[in-house]
Amino acid sequence: MDELTIIAVMAFAGMGVFIAMGEKMILEPLKNVLSKYVPEPFGHPLYSCPRCMVSFHGTWACWALGILPENLLLLPVYWILACGLQELIDR
């Protein structure tokens, strides 16, 4: 799979889940439950930080689409690049 596609899916998955967990959005109840039971440092990749959410939500989105890179040792590189893409989109 094209690397840029993987990076884009990771970036948009993290940002999309973060937006969907916003106030009066469909995943807000899930965010409320997670924030109640998950300690703060572990909450960043699950619900509170869109850049951090790339590592969790971006990875499962790529897995669900069947586009995870063959070399999983490169995942941190993809996460960093996806965070950079999110920054470019936000500006």
N, C-alpha and C. Protein backbone atom coordinates (compact mmCIF):
# COMPACT_ATOMS: atom_id res chain seq x y z
N MET A 1 0.86 -1.18 0.00
CA MET A 1 0.00 0.00 0.00
C MET A 1 0.89 1.24 0.00
N ASP A 2 0.43 2.24 -0.62
CA ASP A 2 1.16 3.49 -0.71
C ASP A 2 1.34 4.11 0.68
N GLU A 3 2.55 4.53 0.99
CA GLU A 3 2.85 5.07 2.33
C GLU A 3 2.03 6.31 2.64
N LEU A 4 1.82 7.16 1.65
CA LEU A 4 1.05 8.38 1.88
C LEU A 4 -0.40 8.07 2.25
N THR A 5 -0.93 7.01 1.69
CA THR A 5 -2.29 6.60 2.04
C THR A 5 -2.36 6.16 3.49
N ILE A 6 -1.39 5.39 3.92
CA ILE A 6 -1.35 4.93 5.31
C ILE A 6 -1.24 6.13 6.26
N ILE A 7 -0.38 7.07 5.94
CA ILE A 7 -0.20 8.25 6.78
C ILE A 7 -1.49 9.06 6.83
N ALA A 8 -2.15 9.23 5.69
CA ALA A 8 -3.40 10.00 5.66
C ALA A 8 -4.50 9.31 6.46
N VAL A 9 -4.62 8.00 6.33
CA VAL A 9 -5.64 7.26 7.09
C VAL A 9 -5.38 7.40 8.58
N MET A 10 -4.13 7.28 8.99
CA MET A 10 -3.81 7.42 10.41
C MET A 10 -4.15 8.81 10.92
N ALA A 11 -3.79 9.83 10.15
CA ALA A 11 -4.04 11.21 10.58
C ALA A 11 -5.54 11.49 10.67
N PHE A 12 -6.29 11.08 9.66
CA PHE A 12 -7.72 11.36 9.65
C PHE A 12 -8.48 10.51 10.66
N ALA A 13 -8.02 9.30 10.93
CA ALA A 13 -8.68 8.46 11.93
C ALA A 13 -8.53 9.08 13.32
N GLY A 14 -7.33 9.50 13.65
CA GLY A 14 -7.12 10.13 14.96
C GLY A 14 -7.93 11.39 15.12
N MET A 15 -7.93 12.24 14.10
CA MET A 15 -8.68 13.48 14.18
C MET A 15 -10.19 13.23 14.15
N GLY A 16 -10.61 12.28 13.36
CA GLY A 16 -12.04 11.98 13.27
C GLY A 16 -12.61 11.45 14.57
N VAL A 17 -11.89 10.55 15.22
CA VAL A 17 -12.37 10.01 16.50
C VAL A 17 -12.37 11.11 17.56
N PHE A 18 -11.34 11.97 17.53
CA PHE A 18 -11.30 13.08 18.49
C PHE A 18 -12.51 14.00 18.30
N ILE A 19 -12.84 14.32 17.07
CA ILE A 19 -14.00 15.18 16.80
C ILE A 19 -15.28 14.48 17.21
N ALA A 20 -15.39 13.17 16.92
CA ALA A 20 -16.60 12.43 17.26
C ALA A 20 -16.79 12.27 18.76
N MET A 21 -15.72 12.49 19.53
CA MET A 21 -15.83 12.42 21.00
C MET A 21 -16.07 13.79 21.61
N GLY A 22 -16.30 14.79 20.78
CA GLY A 22 -16.54 16.14 21.27
C GLY A 22 -17.91 16.28 21.92
N GLU A 23 -18.15 17.48 22.44
CA GLU A 23 -19.40 17.75 23.14
C GLU A 23 -20.60 17.61 22.19
N LYS A 24 -21.59 16.83 22.65
CA LYS A 24 -22.84 16.56 21.92
C LYS A 24 -22.61 15.79 20.61
N MET A 25 -21.51 15.04 20.55
CA MET A 25 -21.24 14.20 19.39
C MET A 25 -21.52 12.75 19.74
N ILE A 26 -21.51 11.88 18.74
CA ILE A 26 -21.97 10.50 18.91
C ILE A 26 -21.10 9.69 19.87
N LEU A 27 -19.80 9.95 19.92
CA LEU A 27 -18.92 9.18 20.80
C LEU A 27 -18.63 9.87 22.14
N GLU A 28 -19.34 10.94 22.44
CA GLU A 28 -19.13 11.62 23.72
C GLU A 28 -19.37 10.70 24.92
N PRO A 29 -20.42 9.85 24.91
CA PRO A 29 -20.60 8.93 26.06
C PRO A 29 -19.40 8.00 26.26
N LEU A 30 -18.82 7.54 25.17
CA LEU A 30 -17.63 6.69 25.28
C LEU A 30 -16.48 7.46 25.91
N LYS A 31 -16.29 8.70 25.50
CA LYS A 31 -15.23 9.54 26.08
C LYS A 31 -15.48 9.74 27.58
N ASN A 32 -16.72 9.95 27.96
CA ASN A 32 -17.03 10.15 29.38
C ASN A 32 -16.71 8.91 30.20
N VAL A 33 -17.02 7.74 29.67
CA VAL A 33 -16.70 6.49 30.38
C VAL A 33 -15.19 6.31 30.46
N LEU A 34 -14.50 6.53 29.34
CA LEU A 34 -13.05 6.37 29.34
C LEU A 34 -12.38 7.35 30.32
N SER A 35 -12.84 8.59 30.32
CA SER A 35 -12.22 9.58 31.21
C SER A 35 -12.47 9.26 32.69
N LYS A 36 -13.52 8.52 32.94
CA LYS A 36 -13.84 8.14 34.32
C LYS A 36 -12.96 6.99 34.82
N TYR A 37 -12.65 6.03 33.94
CA TYR A 37 -11.98 4.81 34.36
C TYR A 37 -10.53 4.66 33.90
N VAL A 38 -10.12 5.44 32.92
CA VAL A 38 -8.75 5.31 32.41
C VAL A 38 -7.89 6.43 32.99
N PRO A 39 -6.76 6.11 33.62
CA PRO A 39 -5.89 7.15 34.16
C PRO A 39 -5.41 8.12 33.07
N GLU A 40 -5.19 9.35 33.43
CA GLU A 40 -4.89 10.42 32.48
C GLU A 40 -3.75 10.10 31.51
N PRO A 41 -2.59 9.60 31.96
CA PRO A 41 -1.52 9.35 30.98
C PRO A 41 -1.94 8.35 29.89
N PHE A 42 -2.78 7.41 30.23
CA PHE A 42 -3.23 6.42 29.26
C PHE A 42 -4.41 6.94 28.44
N GLY A 43 -5.00 8.01 28.89
CA GLY A 43 -6.14 8.59 28.19
C GLY A 43 -5.76 9.37 26.95
N HIS A 44 -4.53 9.84 26.90
CA HIS A 44 -4.11 10.65 25.75
C HIS A 44 -4.30 9.91 24.43
N PRO A 45 -3.79 8.69 24.26
CA PRO A 45 -4.00 8.03 22.97
C PRO A 45 -5.42 7.49 22.77
N LEU A 46 -6.22 7.48 23.81
CA LEU A 46 -7.58 6.95 23.67
C LEU A 46 -8.64 8.01 23.41
N TYR A 47 -8.51 9.20 24.06
CA TYR A 47 -9.61 10.15 23.91
C TYR A 47 -9.25 11.63 24.02
N SER A 48 -8.08 12.00 24.51
CA SER A 48 -7.89 13.41 24.83
C SER A 48 -6.90 14.19 23.97
N CYS A 49 -6.10 13.54 23.18
CA CYS A 49 -5.07 14.24 22.40
C CYS A 49 -5.08 13.73 20.96
N PRO A 50 -5.50 14.55 20.00
CA PRO A 50 -5.59 14.06 18.62
C PRO A 50 -4.25 13.60 18.06
N ARG A 51 -3.16 14.24 18.47
CA ARG A 51 -1.84 13.80 17.98
C ARG A 51 -1.49 12.43 18.57
N CYS A 52 -1.81 12.25 19.83
CA CYS A 52 -1.52 10.97 20.50
C CYS A 52 -2.46 9.87 20.00
N MET A 53 -3.65 10.26 19.58
CA MET A 53 -4.65 9.28 19.15
C MET A 53 -4.27 8.60 17.84
N VAL A 54 -3.32 9.18 17.12
CA VAL A 54 -2.84 8.56 15.89
C VAL A 54 -2.29 7.16 16.17
N SER A 55 -1.56 7.03 17.28
CA SER A 55 -0.92 5.74 17.58
C SER A 55 -1.93 4.63 17.83
N PHE A 56 -3.05 4.94 18.44
CA PHE A 56 -4.04 3.91 18.73
C PHE A 56 -5.10 3.82 17.62
N HIS A 57 -5.82 4.91 17.42
CA HIS A 57 -6.93 4.88 16.47
C HIS A 57 -6.46 4.79 15.02
N GLY A 58 -5.35 5.43 14.71
CA GLY A 58 -4.80 5.33 13.36
C GLY A 58 -4.35 3.92 13.03
N THR A 59 -3.75 3.26 14.01
CA THR A 59 -3.27 1.90 13.78
C THR A 59 -4.43 0.92 13.60
N TRP A 60 -5.46 1.01 14.45
CA TRP A 60 -6.57 0.06 14.26
C TRP A 60 -7.35 0.37 12.99
N ALA A 61 -7.39 1.64 12.58
CA ALA A 61 -8.08 1.98 11.32
C ALA A 61 -7.35 1.35 10.14
N CYS A 62 -6.03 1.43 10.15
CA CYS A 62 -5.25 0.80 9.07
C CYS A 62 -5.40 -0.71 9.11
N TRP A 63 -5.42 -1.27 10.30
CA TRP A 63 -5.62 -2.72 10.43
C TRP A 63 -6.99 -3.12 9.88
N ALA A 64 -8.03 -2.35 10.24
CA ALA A 64 -9.39 -2.67 9.78
C ALA A 64 -9.50 -2.57 8.26
N LEU A 65 -8.76 -1.66 7.67
CA LEU A 65 -8.78 -1.50 6.21
C LEU A 65 -7.81 -2.45 5.51
N GLY A 66 -7.00 -3.15 6.29
CA GLY A 66 -6.05 -4.09 5.72
C GLY A 66 -4.86 -3.42 5.06
N ILE A 67 -4.48 -2.23 5.55
CA ILE A 67 -3.37 -1.50 4.93
C ILE A 67 -2.22 -1.25 5.90
N LEU A 68 -2.14 -2.02 6.97
CA LEU A 68 -0.99 -1.87 7.87
C LEU A 68 0.29 -2.15 7.10
N PRO A 69 1.36 -1.41 7.37
CA PRO A 69 2.62 -1.69 6.68
C PRO A 69 3.14 -3.07 7.04
N GLU A 70 3.84 -3.67 6.11
CA GLU A 70 4.37 -5.01 6.36
C GLU A 70 5.40 -5.01 7.48
N ASN A 71 6.23 -4.00 7.53
CA ASN A 71 7.24 -3.89 8.58
C ASN A 71 6.68 -3.06 9.72
N LEU A 72 6.20 -3.73 10.76
CA LEU A 72 5.58 -3.04 11.88
C LEU A 72 6.57 -2.21 12.70
N LEU A 73 7.86 -2.45 12.52
CA LEU A 73 8.86 -1.65 13.23
C LEU A 73 8.87 -0.21 12.72
N LEU A 74 8.27 0.03 11.56
CA LEU A 74 8.20 1.38 11.00
C LEU A 74 6.98 2.17 11.49
N LEU A 75 6.12 1.53 12.29
CA LEU A 75 4.92 2.23 12.76
C LEU A 75 5.22 3.56 13.46
N PRO A 76 6.24 3.65 14.33
CA PRO A 76 6.52 4.96 14.94
C PRO A 76 6.83 6.05 13.91
N VAL A 77 7.46 5.68 12.83
CA VAL A 77 7.73 6.67 11.78
C VAL A 77 6.42 7.13 11.15
N TYR A 78 5.53 6.20 10.87
CA TYR A 78 4.22 6.55 10.31
C TYR A 78 3.43 7.44 11.29
N TRP A 79 3.52 7.14 12.58
CA TRP A 79 2.80 7.95 13.58
C TRP A 79 3.32 9.39 13.58
N ILE A 80 4.63 9.54 13.53
CA ILE A 80 5.21 10.89 13.53
C ILE A 80 4.79 11.64 12.27
N LEU A 81 4.82 10.97 11.14
CA LEU A 81 4.43 11.63 9.89
C LEU A 81 2.94 11.97 9.89
N ALA A 82 2.12 11.10 10.47
CA ALA A 82 0.68 11.38 10.55
C ALA A 82 0.42 12.57 11.48
N CYS A 83 1.17 12.69 12.55
CA CYS A 83 1.04 13.87 13.42
C CYS A 83 1.44 15.14 12.68
N GLY A 84 2.46 15.04 11.87
CA GLY A 84 2.86 16.19 11.06
C GLY A 84 1.78 16.57 10.07
N LEU A 85 1.12 15.60 9.47
CA LEU A 85 0.02 15.88 8.56
C LEU A 85 -1.13 16.55 9.30
N GLN A 86 -1.43 16.09 10.50
CA GLN A 86 -2.48 16.74 11.30
C GLN A 86 -2.14 18.20 11.56
N GLU A 87 -0.88 18.48 11.86
CA GLU A 87 -0.47 19.86 12.10
C GLU A 87 -0.64 20.71 10.85
N LEU A 88 -0.28 20.15 9.70
CA LEU A 88 -0.47 20.89 8.44
C LEU A 88 -1.95 21.18 8.17
N ILE A 89 -2.80 20.23 8.48
CA ILE A 89 -4.24 20.40 8.25
C ILE A 89 -4.79 21.45 9.21
N ASP A 90 -4.33 21.45 10.46
CA ASP A 90 -4.84 22.40 11.46
C ASP A 90 -4.43 23.84 11.20
N ARG A 91 -3.39 24.05 10.47
CA ARG A 91 -2.90 25.43 10.25
C ARG A 91 -3.53 26.08 9.10
